[in-house]
Amino acid sequence: MSPSADSGRSARTTGLVRVLCDPAVEPGFALASLRARTAAPGGAAGALEELAEEPRTGVILVQSDLYDAAAGPVLRRLERQTIPVILPFPGPRWTARPSAEEYVVELLRRAIGYRVRLR
């Protein structure tokens, strides 16, 4: 294979991973050394289009609620292209935490083997 053919193949198969997510999720991607673009559901389609137009973008990870919000002509056009690959990922599910008292009662139950009642 000639060097020019090889360099053309590598240029098309190498790309950067871009991320589109909620602001609460962005620090997790920063820990993984990925710079994330944050957006609200109303601006998801525009943000997705901007990420796709950035040079060397190969894969765009999109939080699922933003992916759903971007449904429309922009997403359909991007899904017909081979590069970038658009991959939705599930966002976090925030659940209510127990009160401090319930937490302490549960810790004591585990430590001593039976439930106590705090006054």
PDB file of N, CA and C in Angstrom:
ATOM      1  N   MET A   1       0.850  -1.164   0.000  1.00  0.00           N
ATOM      2  CA  MET A   1       0.000   0.000   0.000  1.00  0.00           C
ATOM      3  C   MET A   1       0.894   1.224   0.000  1.00  0.00           C
ATOM      4  N   SER A   2       0.543   2.203  -0.802  1.00  0.00           N
ATOM      5  CA  SER A   2       1.361   3.411  -0.899  1.00  0.00           C
ATOM      6  C   SER A   2       1.174   4.289   0.333  1.00  0.00           C
ATOM      7  N   PRO A   3       2.198   5.098   0.686  1.00  0.00           N
ATOM      8  CA  PRO A   3       2.084   5.959   1.856  1.00  0.00           C
ATOM      9  C   PRO A   3       0.921   6.930   1.752  1.00  0.00           C
ATOM     10  N   SER A   4       0.638   7.424   0.545  1.00  0.00           N
ATOM     11  CA  SER A   4      -0.455   8.399   0.430  1.00  0.00           C
ATOM     12  C   SER A   4      -1.809   7.734   0.691  1.00  0.00           C
ATOM     13  N   ALA A   5      -1.974   6.493   0.225  1.00  0.00           N
ATOM     14  CA  ALA A   5      -3.235   5.787   0.481  1.00  0.00           C
ATOM     15  C   ALA A   5      -3.378   5.492   1.964  1.00  0.00           C
ATOM     16  N   ASP A   6      -2.286   5.118   2.626  1.00  0.00           N
ATOM     17  CA  ASP A   6      -2.327   4.830   4.043  1.00  0.00           C
ATOM     18  C   ASP A   6      -2.667   6.080   4.846  1.00  0.00           C
ATOM     19  N   SER A   7      -2.049   7.218   4.498  1.00  0.00           N
ATOM     20  CA  SER A   7      -2.315   8.436   5.261  1.00  0.00           C
ATOM     21  C   SER A   7      -3.757   8.882   5.075  1.00  0.00           C
ATOM     22  N   GLY A   8      -4.338   8.666   3.904  1.00  0.00           N
ATOM     23  CA  GLY A   8      -5.731   9.017   3.687  1.00  0.00           C
ATOM     24  C   GLY A   8      -6.662   8.178   4.534  1.00  0.00           C
ATOM     25  N   ARG A   9      -6.350   6.893   4.640  1.00  0.00           N
ATOM     26  CA  ARG A   9      -7.175   5.999   5.451  1.00  0.00           C
ATOM     27  C   ARG A   9      -7.114   6.387   6.916  1.00  0.00           C
ATOM     28  N   SER A  10      -5.906   6.689   7.432  1.00  0.00           N
ATOM     29  CA  SER A  10      -5.782   7.043   8.842  1.00  0.00           C
ATOM     30  C   SER A  10      -6.488   8.346   9.153  1.00  0.00           C
ATOM     31  N   ALA A  11      -6.430   9.282   8.238  1.00  0.00           N
ATOM     32  CA  ALA A  11      -7.059  10.577   8.479  1.00  0.00           C
ATOM     33  C   ALA A  11      -8.571  10.418   8.606  1.00  0.00           C
ATOM     34  N   ARG A  12      -9.138   9.463   7.871  1.00  0.00           N
ATOM     35  CA  ARG A  12     -10.578   9.286   7.936  1.00  0.00           C
ATOM     36  C   ARG A  12     -11.012   8.410   9.098  1.00  0.00           C
ATOM     37  N   THR A  13     -10.133   7.605   9.639  1.00  0.00           N
ATOM     38  CA  THR A  13     -10.527   6.719  10.726  1.00  0.00           C
ATOM     39  C   THR A  13     -10.137   7.251  12.095  1.00  0.00           C
ATOM     40  N   THR A  14      -9.413   8.349  12.130  1.00  0.00           N
ATOM     41  CA  THR A  14      -9.054   8.903  13.424  1.00  0.00           C
ATOM     42  C   THR A  14      -9.924  10.115  13.681  1.00  0.00           C
ATOM     43  N   GLY A  15     -10.430  10.222  14.858  1.00  0.00           N
ATOM     44  CA  GLY A  15     -11.254  11.372  15.199  1.00  0.00           C
ATOM     45  C   GLY A  15     -11.309  11.549  16.692  1.00  0.00           C
ATOM     46  N   LEU A  16     -11.767  12.709  17.070  1.00  0.00           N
ATOM     47  CA  LEU A  16     -11.873  13.030  18.486  1.00  0.00           C
ATOM     48  C   LEU A  16     -13.255  12.662  19.008  1.00  0.00           C
ATOM     49  N   VAL A  17     -13.300  12.352  20.288  1.00  0.00           N
ATOM     50  CA  VAL A  17     -14.572  12.079  20.951  1.00  0.00           C
ATOM     51  C   VAL A  17     -15.062  13.394  21.536  1.00  0.00           C
ATOM     52  N   ARG A  18     -16.263  13.766  21.185  1.00  0.00           N
ATOM     53  CA  ARG A  18     -16.902  14.966  21.719  1.00  0.00           C
ATOM     54  C   ARG A  18     -18.065  14.505  22.601  1.00  0.00           C
ATOM     55  N   VAL A  19     -18.445  15.346  23.557  1.00  0.00           N
ATOM     56  CA  VAL A  19     -19.509  14.988  24.496  1.00  0.00           C
ATOM     57  C   VAL A  19     -20.506  16.136  24.586  1.00  0.00           C
ATOM     58  N   LEU A  20     -21.779  15.796  24.565  1.00  0.00           N
ATOM     59  CA  LEU A  20     -22.863  16.752  24.780  1.00  0.00           C
ATOM     60  C   LEU A  20     -23.682  16.226  25.948  1.00  0.00           C
ATOM     61  N   CYS A  21     -23.715  16.989  27.043  1.00  0.00           N
ATOM     62  CA  CYS A  21     -24.382  16.490  28.239  1.00  0.00           C
ATOM     63  C   CYS A  21     -24.956  17.632  29.069  1.00  0.00           C
ATOM     64  N   ASP A  22     -25.605  17.251  30.122  1.00  0.00           N
ATOM     65  CA  ASP A  22     -26.173  18.156  31.108  1.00  0.00           C
ATOM     66  C   ASP A  22     -25.037  18.730  31.963  1.00  0.00           C
ATOM     67  N   PRO A  23     -25.142  19.960  32.448  1.00  0.00           N
ATOM     68  CA  PRO A  23     -24.065  20.530  33.269  1.00  0.00           C
ATOM     69  C   PRO A  23     -23.716  19.701  34.510  1.00  0.00           C
ATOM     70  N   ALA A  24     -24.679  18.971  35.064  1.00  0.00           N
ATOM     71  CA  ALA A  24     -24.399  18.163  36.258  1.00  0.00           C
ATOM     72  C   ALA A  24     -23.516  16.960  35.943  1.00  0.00           C
ATOM     73  N   VAL A  25     -23.481  16.525  34.701  1.00  0.00           N
ATOM     74  CA  VAL A  25     -22.721  15.341  34.299  1.00  0.00           C
ATOM     75  C   VAL A  25     -21.317  15.705  33.819  1.00  0.00           C
ATOM     76  N   GLU A  26     -21.125  16.943  33.417  1.00  0.00           N
ATOM     77  CA  GLU A  26     -19.864  17.394  32.811  1.00  0.00           C
ATOM     78  C   GLU A  26     -18.621  17.108  33.659  1.00  0.00           C
ATOM     79  N   PRO A  27     -18.641  17.292  34.996  1.00  0.00           N
ATOM     80  CA  PRO A  27     -17.423  17.001  35.773  1.00  0.00           C
ATOM     81  C   PRO A  27     -16.932  15.561  35.652  1.00  0.00           C
ATOM     82  N   GLY A  28     -17.825  14.612  35.459  1.00  0.00           N
ATOM     83  CA  GLY A  28     -17.420  13.218  35.293  1.00  0.00           C
ATOM     84  C   GLY A  28     -16.602  13.024  34.031  1.00  0.00           C
ATOM     85  N   PHE A  29     -16.989  13.681  32.965  1.00  0.00           N
ATOM     86  CA  PHE A  29     -16.223  13.588  31.725  1.00  0.00           C
ATOM     87  C   PHE A  29     -14.886  14.315  31.859  1.00  0.00           C
ATOM     88  N   ALA A  30     -14.872  15.404  32.628  1.00  0.00           N
ATOM     89  CA  ALA A  30     -13.611  16.117  32.860  1.00  0.00           C
ATOM     90  C   ALA A  30     -12.622  15.204  33.586  1.00  0.00           C
ATOM     91  N   LEU A  31     -13.106  14.379  34.504  1.00  0.00           N
ATOM     92  CA  LEU A  31     -12.228  13.424  35.192  1.00  0.00           C
ATOM     93  C   LEU A  31     -11.644  12.411  34.226  1.00  0.00           C
ATOM     94  N   ALA A  32     -12.362  12.135  33.150  1.00  0.00           N
ATOM     95  CA  ALA A  32     -11.888  11.188  32.135  1.00  0.00           C
ATOM     96  C   ALA A  32     -11.117  11.903  31.022  1.00  0.00           C
ATOM     97  N   SER A  33     -10.775  13.168  31.258  1.00  0.00           N
ATOM     98  CA  SER A  33     -10.024  13.994  30.293  1.00  0.00           C
ATOM     99  C   SER A  33     -10.780  14.256  29.003  1.00  0.00           C
ATOM    100  N   LEU A  34     -12.093  14.287  29.079  1.00  0.00           N
ATOM    101  CA  LEU A  34     -12.914  14.639  27.928  1.00  0.00           C
ATOM    102  C   LEU A  34     -13.591  15.973  28.211  1.00  0.00           C
ATOM    103  N   ARG A  35     -13.426  16.902  27.283  1.00  0.00           N
ATOM    104  CA  ARG A  35     -14.086  18.184  27.428  1.00  0.00           C
ATOM    105  C   ARG A  35     -15.510  18.044  26.929  1.00  0.00           C
ATOM    106  N   ALA A  36     -16.452  18.383  27.769  1.00  0.00           N
ATOM    107  CA  ALA A  36     -17.856  18.222  27.409  1.00  0.00           C
ATOM    108  C   ALA A  36     -18.482  19.570  27.111  1.00  0.00           C
ATOM    109  N   ARG A  37     -19.386  19.565  26.167  1.00  0.00           N
ATOM    110  CA  ARG A  37     -20.188  20.741  25.864  1.00  0.00           C
ATOM    111  C   ARG A  37     -21.506  20.534  26.585  1.00  0.00           C
ATOM    112  N   THR A  38     -21.949  21.519  27.334  1.00  0.00           N
ATOM    113  CA  THR A  38     -23.207  21.390  28.053  1.00  0.00           C
ATOM    114  C   THR A  38     -24.302  22.154  27.324  1.00  0.00           C
ATOM    115  N   ALA A  39     -25.513  21.663  27.476  1.00  0.00           N
ATOM    116  CA  ALA A  39     -26.653  22.303  26.829  1.00  0.00           C
ATOM    117  C   ALA A  39     -27.924  21.945  27.578  1.00  0.00           C
ATOM    118  N   ALA A  40     -28.897  22.822  27.456  1.00  0.00           N
ATOM    119  CA  ALA A  40     -30.244  22.540  27.948  1.00  0.00           C
ATOM    120  C   ALA A  40     -30.983  21.824  26.821  1.00  0.00           C
ATOM    121  N   PRO A  41     -32.052  21.109  27.136  1.00  0.00           N
ATOM    122  CA  PRO A  41     -32.777  20.406  26.075  1.00  0.00           C
ATOM    123  C   PRO A  41     -33.195  21.307  24.910  1.00  0.00           C
ATOM    124  N   GLY A  42     -33.533  22.549  25.163  1.00  0.00           N
ATOM    125  CA  GLY A  42     -33.945  23.453  24.097  1.00  0.00           C
ATOM    126  C   GLY A  42     -32.833  23.789  23.113  1.00  0.00           C
ATOM    127  N   GLY A  43     -31.589  23.716  23.553  1.00  0.00           N
ATOM    128  CA  GLY A  43     -30.468  24.035  22.676  1.00  0.00           C
ATOM    129  C   GLY A  43     -29.692  22.826  22.212  1.00  0.00           C
ATOM    130  N   ALA A  44     -30.239  21.641  22.411  1.00  0.00           N
ATOM    131  CA  ALA A  44     -29.513  20.409  22.090  1.00  0.00           C
ATOM    132  C   ALA A  44     -29.230  20.255  20.602  1.00  0.00           C
ATOM    133  N   ALA A  45     -30.196  20.566  19.751  1.00  0.00           N
ATOM    134  CA  ALA A  45     -30.008  20.373  18.304  1.00  0.00           C
ATOM    135  C   ALA A  45     -28.902  21.277  17.781  1.00  0.00           C
ATOM    136  N   GLY A  46     -28.912  22.546  18.190  1.00  0.00           N
ATOM    137  CA  GLY A  46     -27.880  23.479  17.745  1.00  0.00           C
ATOM    138  C   GLY A  46     -26.505  23.091  18.249  1.00  0.00           C
ATOM    139  N   ALA A  47     -26.423  22.689  19.517  1.00  0.00           N
ATOM    140  CA  ALA A  47     -25.136  22.282  20.090  1.00  0.00           C
ATOM    141  C   ALA A  47     -24.613  21.024  19.405  1.00  0.00           C
ATOM    142  N   LEU A  48     -25.496  20.089  19.105  1.00  0.00           N
ATOM    143  CA  LEU A  48     -25.095  18.863  18.420  1.00  0.00           C
ATOM    144  C   LEU A  48     -24.566  19.174  17.027  1.00  0.00           C
ATOM    145  N   GLU A  49     -25.226  20.068  16.337  1.00  0.00           N
ATOM    146  CA  GLU A  49     -24.784  20.444  14.994  1.00  0.00           C
ATOM    147  C   GLU A  49     -23.415  21.125  15.041  1.00  0.00           C
ATOM    148  N   GLU A  50     -23.191  21.999  16.032  1.00  0.00           N
ATOM    149  CA  GLU A  50     -21.894  22.667  16.169  1.00  0.00           C
ATOM    150  C   GLU A  50     -20.778  21.661  16.460  1.00  0.00           C
ATOM    151  N   LEU A  51     -21.049  20.688  17.334  1.00  0.00           N
ATOM    152  CA  LEU A  51     -20.042  19.662  17.622  1.00  0.00           C
ATOM    153  C   LEU A  51     -19.721  18.844  16.378  1.00  0.00           C
ATOM    154  N   ALA A  52     -20.734  18.526  15.590  1.00  0.00           N
ATOM    155  CA  ALA A  52     -20.524  17.727  14.382  1.00  0.00           C
ATOM    156  C   ALA A  52     -19.694  18.482  13.352  1.00  0.00           C
ATOM    157  N   GLU A  53     -19.782  19.793  13.342  1.00  0.00           N
ATOM    158  CA  GLU A  53     -19.052  20.596  12.359  1.00  0.00           C
ATOM    159  C   GLU A  53     -17.609  20.875  12.776  1.00  0.00           C
ATOM    160  N   GLU A  54     -17.267  20.604  14.042  1.00  0.00           N
ATOM    161  CA  GLU A  54     -15.884  20.823  14.480  1.00  0.00           C
ATOM    162  C   GLU A  54     -14.958  19.860  13.741  1.00  0.00           C
ATOM    163  N   PRO A  55     -13.785  20.363  13.351  1.00  0.00           N
ATOM    164  CA  PRO A  55     -12.841  19.490  12.638  1.00  0.00           C
ATOM    165  C   PRO A  55     -12.410  18.297  13.498  1.00  0.00           C
ATOM    166  N   ARG A  56     -12.190  17.188  12.849  1.00  0.00           N
ATOM    167  CA  ARG A  56     -11.678  15.956  13.452  1.00  0.00           C
ATOM    168  C   ARG A  56     -12.639  15.290  14.426  1.00  0.00           C
ATOM    169  N   THR A  57     -13.910  15.677  14.427  1.00  0.00           N
ATOM    170  CA  THR A  57     -14.888  15.005  15.289  1.00  0.00           C
ATOM    171  C   THR A  57     -15.189  13.639  14.697  1.00  0.00           C
ATOM    172  N   GLY A  58     -14.989  12.581  15.494  1.00  0.00           N
ATOM    173  CA  GLY A  58     -15.252  11.222  15.032  1.00  0.00           C
ATOM    174  C   GLY A  58     -16.455  10.597  15.706  1.00  0.00           C
ATOM    175  N   VAL A  59     -16.615  10.878  17.002  1.00  0.00           N
ATOM    176  CA  VAL A  59     -17.712  10.308  17.785  1.00  0.00           C
ATOM    177  C   VAL A  59     -18.274  11.412  18.672  1.00  0.00           C
ATOM    178  N   ILE A  60     -19.584  11.474  18.761  1.00  0.00           N
ATOM    179  CA  ILE A  60     -20.229  12.406  19.682  1.00  0.00           C
ATOM    180  C   ILE A  60     -21.083  11.597  20.647  1.00  0.00           C
ATOM    181  N   LEU A  61     -20.735  11.649  21.926  1.00  0.00           N
ATOM    182  CA  LEU A  61     -21.538  11.023  22.972  1.00  0.00           C
ATOM    183  C   LEU A  61     -22.585  12.039  23.405  1.00  0.00           C
ATOM    184  N   VAL A  62     -23.848  11.655  23.362  1.00  0.00           N
ATOM    185  CA  VAL A  62     -24.941  12.579  23.678  1.00  0.00           C
ATOM    186  C   VAL A  62     -25.798  11.973  24.782  1.00  0.00           C
ATOM    187  N   GLN A  63     -25.980  12.719  25.855  1.00  0.00           N
ATOM    188  CA  GLN A  63     -26.838  12.258  26.939  1.00  0.00           C
ATOM    189  C   GLN A  63     -28.236  12.019  26.379  1.00  0.00           C
ATOM    190  N   SER A  64     -28.875  10.924  26.769  1.00  0.00           N
ATOM    191  CA  SER A  64     -30.114  10.468  26.121  1.00  0.00           C
ATOM    192  C   SER A  64     -31.234  11.503  26.131  1.00  0.00           C
ATOM    193  N   ASP A  65     -31.409  12.267  27.198  1.00  0.00           N
ATOM    194  CA  ASP A  65     -32.496  13.247  27.185  1.00  0.00           C
ATOM    195  C   ASP A  65     -32.206  14.374  26.189  1.00  0.00           C
ATOM    196  N   LEU A  66     -30.925  14.727  26.000  1.00  0.00           N
ATOM    197  CA  LEU A  66     -30.566  15.729  24.998  1.00  0.00           C
ATOM    198  C   LEU A  66     -30.706  15.147  23.591  1.00  0.00           C
ATOM    199  N   TYR A  67     -30.389  13.871  23.448  1.00  0.00           N
ATOM    200  CA  TYR A  67     -30.558  13.181  22.164  1.00  0.00           C
ATOM    201  C   TYR A  67     -32.033  13.210  21.757  1.00  0.00           C
ATOM    202  N   ASP A  68     -32.907  12.899  22.707  1.00  0.00           N
ATOM    203  CA  ASP A  68     -34.346  12.924  22.430  1.00  0.00           C
ATOM    204  C   ASP A  68     -34.815  14.338  22.094  1.00  0.00           C
ATOM    205  N   ALA A  69     -34.273  15.336  22.793  1.00  0.00           N
ATOM    206  CA  ALA A  69     -34.665  16.727  22.549  1.00  0.00           C
ATOM    207  C   ALA A  69     -34.172  17.228  21.192  1.00  0.00           C
ATOM    208  N   ALA A  70     -33.105  16.637  20.677  1.00  0.00           N
ATOM    209  CA  ALA A  70     -32.539  17.066  19.389  1.00  0.00           C
ATOM    210  C   ALA A  70     -33.226  16.412  18.205  1.00  0.00           C
ATOM    211  N   ALA A  71     -34.199  15.550  18.465  1.00  0.00           N
ATOM    212  CA  ALA A  71     -34.891  14.860  17.370  1.00  0.00           C
ATOM    213  C   ALA A  71     -35.460  15.880  16.396  1.00  0.00           C
ATOM    214  N   GLY A  72     -35.221  15.640  15.141  1.00  0.00           N
ATOM    215  CA  GLY A  72     -35.681  16.563  14.112  1.00  0.00           C
ATOM    216  C   GLY A  72     -34.752  16.498  12.920  1.00  0.00           C
ATOM    217  N   PRO A  73     -34.798  17.511  12.057  1.00  0.00           N
ATOM    218  CA  PRO A  73     -34.006  17.463  10.825  1.00  0.00           C
ATOM    219  C   PRO A  73     -32.498  17.406  11.065  1.00  0.00           C
ATOM    220  N   VAL A  74     -32.009  18.090  12.088  1.00  0.00           N
ATOM    221  CA  VAL A  74     -30.560  18.087  12.353  1.00  0.00           C
ATOM    222  C   VAL A  74     -30.096  16.678  12.705  1.00  0.00           C
ATOM    223  N   LEU A  75     -30.785  16.035  13.623  1.00  0.00           N
ATOM    224  CA  LEU A  75     -30.396  14.689  14.049  1.00  0.00           C
ATOM    225  C   LEU A  75     -30.548  13.690  12.904  1.00  0.00           C
ATOM    226  N   ARG A  76     -31.610  13.796  12.133  1.00  0.00           N
ATOM    227  CA  ARG A  76     -31.797  12.872  10.995  1.00  0.00           C
ATOM    228  C   ARG A  76     -30.658  13.022   9.989  1.00  0.00           C
ATOM    229  N   ARG A  77     -30.258  14.262   9.709  1.00  0.00           N
ATOM    230  CA  ARG A  77     -29.159  14.491   8.760  1.00  0.00           C
ATOM    231  C   ARG A  77     -27.860  13.914   9.304  1.00  0.00           C
ATOM    232  N   LEU A  78     -27.582  14.138  10.590  1.00  0.00           N
ATOM    233  CA  LEU A  78     -26.340  13.630  11.178  1.00  0.00           C
ATOM    234  C   LEU A  78     -26.325  12.107  11.237  1.00  0.00           C
ATOM    235  N   GLU A  79     -27.471  11.483  11.459  1.00  0.00           N
ATOM    236  CA  GLU A  79     -27.526  10.023  11.531  1.00  0.00           C
ATOM    237  C   GLU A  79     -27.323   9.363  10.166  1.00  0.00           C
ATOM    238  N   ARG A  80     -27.573  10.093   9.095  1.00  0.00           N
ATOM    239  CA  ARG A  80     -27.341   9.540   7.748  1.00  0.00           C
ATOM    240  C   ARG A  80     -25.857   9.569   7.387  1.00  0.00           C
ATOM    241  N   GLN A  81     -25.067  10.381   8.073  1.00  0.00           N
ATOM    242  CA  GLN A  81     -23.637  10.470   7.794  1.00  0.00           C
ATOM    243  C   GLN A  81     -22.909   9.340   8.517  1.00  0.00           C
ATOM    244  N   THR A  82     -21.781   8.930   7.962  1.00  0.00           N
ATOM    245  CA  THR A  82     -20.999   7.885   8.630  1.00  0.00           C
ATOM    246  C   THR A  82     -20.099   8.472   9.708  1.00  0.00           C
ATOM    247  N   ILE A  83     -19.655   9.695   9.523  1.00  0.00           N
ATOM    248  CA  ILE A  83     -18.817  10.375  10.516  1.00  0.00           C
ATOM    249  C   ILE A  83     -19.388  11.766  10.708  1.00  0.00           C
ATOM    250  N   PRO A  84     -19.623  12.196  11.902  1.00  0.00           N
ATOM    251  CA  PRO A  84     -19.358  11.535  13.171  1.00  0.00           C
ATOM    252  C   PRO A  84     -20.441  10.523  13.546  1.00  0.00           C
ATOM    253  N   VAL A  85     -20.055   9.575  14.370  1.00  0.00           N
ATOM    254  CA  VAL A  85     -20.984   8.595  14.904  1.00  0.00           C
ATOM    255  C   VAL A  85     -21.634   9.230  16.138  1.00  0.00           C
ATOM    256  N   ILE A  86     -22.951   9.217  16.184  1.00  0.00           N
ATOM    257  CA  ILE A  86     -23.694   9.796  17.306  1.00  0.00           C
ATOM    258  C   ILE A  86     -24.115   8.651  18.223  1.00  0.00           C
ATOM    259  N   LEU A  87     -23.668   8.684  19.476  1.00  0.00           N
ATOM    260  CA  LEU A  87     -23.991   7.623  20.431  1.00  0.00           C
ATOM    261  C   LEU A  87     -24.685   8.205  21.658  1.00  0.00           C
ATOM    262  N   PRO A  88     -25.960   7.886  21.864  1.00  0.00           N
ATOM    263  CA  PRO A  88     -26.619   8.343  23.090  1.00  0.00           C
ATOM    264  C   PRO A  88     -26.184   7.489  24.281  1.00  0.00           C
ATOM    265  N   PHE A  89     -26.116   8.114  25.448  1.00  0.00           N
ATOM    266  CA  PHE A  89     -25.818   7.389  26.683  1.00  0.00           C
ATOM    267  C   PHE A  89     -26.823   7.814  27.736  1.00  0.00           C
ATOM    268  N   PRO A  90     -27.176   6.929  28.657  1.00  0.00           N
ATOM    269  CA  PRO A  90     -28.171   7.282  29.669  1.00  0.00           C
ATOM    270  C   PRO A  90     -27.605   8.287  30.668  1.00  0.00           C
ATOM    271  N   GLY A  91     -28.444   9.211  31.052  1.00  0.00           N
ATOM    272  CA  GLY A  91     -28.051  10.181  32.070  1.00  0.00           C
ATOM    273  C   GLY A  91     -28.285   9.607  33.457  1.00  0.00           C
ATOM    274  N   PRO A  92     -27.841  10.312  34.464  1.00  0.00           N
ATOM    275  CA  PRO A  92     -28.023   9.814  35.834  1.00  0.00           C
ATOM    276  C   PRO A  92     -29.484   9.897  36.253  1.00  0.00           C
ATOM    277  N   ARG A  93     -29.822   9.053  37.168  1.00  0.00           N
ATOM    278  CA  ARG A  93     -31.149   9.114  37.787  1.00  0.00           C
ATOM    279  C   ARG A  93     -30.941   9.578  39.211  1.00  0.00           C
ATOM    280  N   TRP A  94     -31.383  10.772  39.473  1.00  0.00           N
ATOM    281  CA  TRP A  94     -31.210  11.335  40.816  1.00  0.00           C
ATOM    282  C   TRP A  94     -32.343  10.826  41.692  1.00  0.00           C
ATOM    283  N   THR A  95     -31.975  10.192  42.794  1.00  0.00           N
ATOM    284  CA  THR A  95     -32.979   9.691  43.727  1.00  0.00           C
ATOM    285  C   THR A  95     -32.847  10.446  45.043  1.00  0.00           C
ATOM    286  N   ALA A  96     -33.951  10.530  45.726  1.00  0.00           N
ATOM    287  CA  ALA A  96     -33.942  11.215  47.020  1.00  0.00           C
ATOM    288  C   ALA A  96     -33.147  10.387  48.024  1.00  0.00           C
ATOM    289  N   ARG A  97     -32.315  11.060  48.786  1.00  0.00           N
ATOM    290  CA  ARG A  97     -31.541  10.367  49.818  1.00  0.00           C
ATOM    291  C   ARG A  97     -32.327  10.374  51.116  1.00  0.00           C
ATOM    292  N   PRO A  98     -32.110   9.371  51.961  1.00  0.00           N
ATOM    293  CA  PRO A  98     -32.819   9.358  53.248  1.00  0.00           C
ATOM    294  C   PRO A  98     -32.323  10.501  54.130  1.00  0.00           C
ATOM    295  N   SER A  99     -33.154  10.862  55.089  1.00  0.00           N
ATOM    296  CA  SER A  99     -32.760  11.919  56.016  1.00  0.00           C
ATOM    297  C   SER A  99     -31.558  11.443  56.840  1.00  0.00           C
ATOM    298  N   ALA A 100     -30.894  12.371  57.489  1.00  0.00           N
ATOM    299  CA  ALA A 100     -29.721  12.033  58.298  1.00  0.00           C
ATOM    300  C   ALA A 100     -30.101  11.056  59.406  1.00  0.00           C
ATOM    301  N   GLU A 101     -31.279  11.245  60.002  1.00  0.00           N
ATOM    302  CA  GLU A 101     -31.713  10.350  61.084  1.00  0.00           C
ATOM    303  C   GLU A 101     -31.928   8.929  60.565  1.00  0.00           C
ATOM    304  N   GLU A 102     -32.572   8.790  59.409  1.00  0.00           N
ATOM    305  CA  GLU A 102     -32.791   7.464  58.823  1.00  0.00           C
ATOM    306  C   GLU A 102     -31.469   6.791  58.489  1.00  0.00           C
ATOM    307  N   TYR A 103     -30.516   7.575  58.029  1.00  0.00           N
ATOM    308  CA  TYR A 103     -29.203   7.044  57.687  1.00  0.00           C
ATOM    309  C   TYR A 103     -28.502   6.498  58.932  1.00  0.00           C
ATOM    310  N   VAL A 104     -28.540   7.254  60.029  1.00  0.00           N
ATOM    311  CA  VAL A 104     -27.891   6.824  61.279  1.00  0.00           C
ATOM    312  C   VAL A 104     -28.577   5.581  61.826  1.00  0.00           C
ATOM    313  N   VAL A 105     -29.909   5.546  61.779  1.00  0.00           N
ATOM    314  CA  VAL A 105     -30.644   4.374  62.255  1.00  0.00           C
ATOM    315  C   VAL A 105     -30.247   3.132  61.456  1.00  0.00           C
ATOM    316  N   GLU A 106     -30.108   3.275  60.139  1.00  0.00           N
ATOM    317  CA  GLU A 106     -29.706   2.139  59.299  1.00  0.00           C
ATOM    318  C   GLU A 106     -28.282   1.696  59.615  1.00  0.00           C
ATOM    319  N   LEU A 107     -27.371   2.646  59.843  1.00  0.00           N
ATOM    320  CA  LEU A 107     -25.994   2.288  60.224  1.00  0.00           C
ATOM    321  C   LEU A 107     -25.976   1.521  61.547  1.00  0.00           C
ATOM    322  N   LEU A 108     -26.736   1.991  62.509  1.00  0.00           N
ATOM    323  CA  LEU A 108     -26.797   1.304  63.806  1.00  0.00           C
ATOM    324  C   LEU A 108     -27.401  -0.097  63.653  1.00  0.00           C
ATOM    325  N   ARG A 109     -28.430  -0.226  62.823  1.00  0.00           N
ATOM    326  CA  ARG A 109     -29.052  -1.537  62.622  1.00  0.00           C
ATOM    327  C   ARG A 109     -28.034  -2.518  62.056  1.00  0.00           C
ATOM    328  N   ARG A 110     -27.223  -2.055  61.113  1.00  0.00           N
ATOM    329  CA  ARG A 110     -26.200  -2.930  60.538  1.00  0.00           C
ATOM    330  C   ARG A 110     -25.128  -3.279  61.564  1.00  0.00           C
ATOM    331  N   ALA A 111     -24.764  -2.303  62.398  1.00  0.00           N
ATOM    332  CA  ALA A 111     -23.671  -2.518  63.353  1.00  0.00           C
ATOM    333  C   ALA A 111     -24.082  -3.423  64.514  1.00  0.00           C
ATOM    334  N   ILE A 112     -25.289  -3.217  65.043  1.00  0.00           N
ATOM    335  CA  ILE A 112     -25.664  -3.981  66.238  1.00  0.00           C
ATOM    336  C   ILE A 112     -26.670  -5.091  65.961  1.00  0.00           C
ATOM    337  N   GLY A 113     -27.220  -5.112  64.767  1.00  0.00           N
ATOM    338  CA  GLY A 113     -28.061  -6.236  64.383  1.00  0.00           C
ATOM    339  C   GLY A 113     -29.542  -6.040  64.602  1.00  0.00           C
ATOM    340  N   TYR A 114     -29.965  -4.944  65.162  1.00  0.00           N
ATOM    341  CA  TYR A 114     -31.400  -4.695  65.279  1.00  0.00           C
ATOM    342  C   TYR A 114     -31.685  -3.199  65.183  1.00  0.00           C
ATOM    343  N   ARG A 115     -32.919  -2.880  64.869  1.00  0.00           N
ATOM    344  CA  ARG A 115     -33.323  -1.488  64.640  1.00  0.00           C
ATOM    345  C   ARG A 115     -33.557  -0.791  65.990  1.00  0.00           C
ATOM    346  N   VAL A 116     -33.035   0.418  66.079  1.00  0.00           N
ATOM    347  CA  VAL A 116     -33.250   1.251  67.263  1.00  0.00           C
ATOM    348  C   VAL A 116     -34.094   2.445  66.866  1.00  0.00           C
ATOM    349  N   ARG A 117     -34.697   3.076  67.873  1.00  0.00           N
ATOM    350  CA  ARG A 117     -35.475   4.272  67.611  1.00  0.00           C
ATOM    351  C   ARG A 117     -34.799   5.441  68.301  1.00  0.00           C
ATOM    352  N   LEU A 118     -34.480   6.469  67.544  1.00  0.00           N
ATOM    353  CA  LEU A 118     -33.838   7.655  68.101  1.00  0.00           C
ATOM    354  C   LEU A 118     -34.923   8.621  68.576  1.00  0.00           C
ATOM    355  N   ARG A 119     -34.621   9.315  69.672  1.00  0.00           N
ATOM    356  CA  ARG A 119     -35.583  10.312  70.169  1.00  0.00           C
ATOM    357  C   ARG A 119     -35.116  11.684  69.868  1.00  0.00           C
TER     358      ARG A 119
END
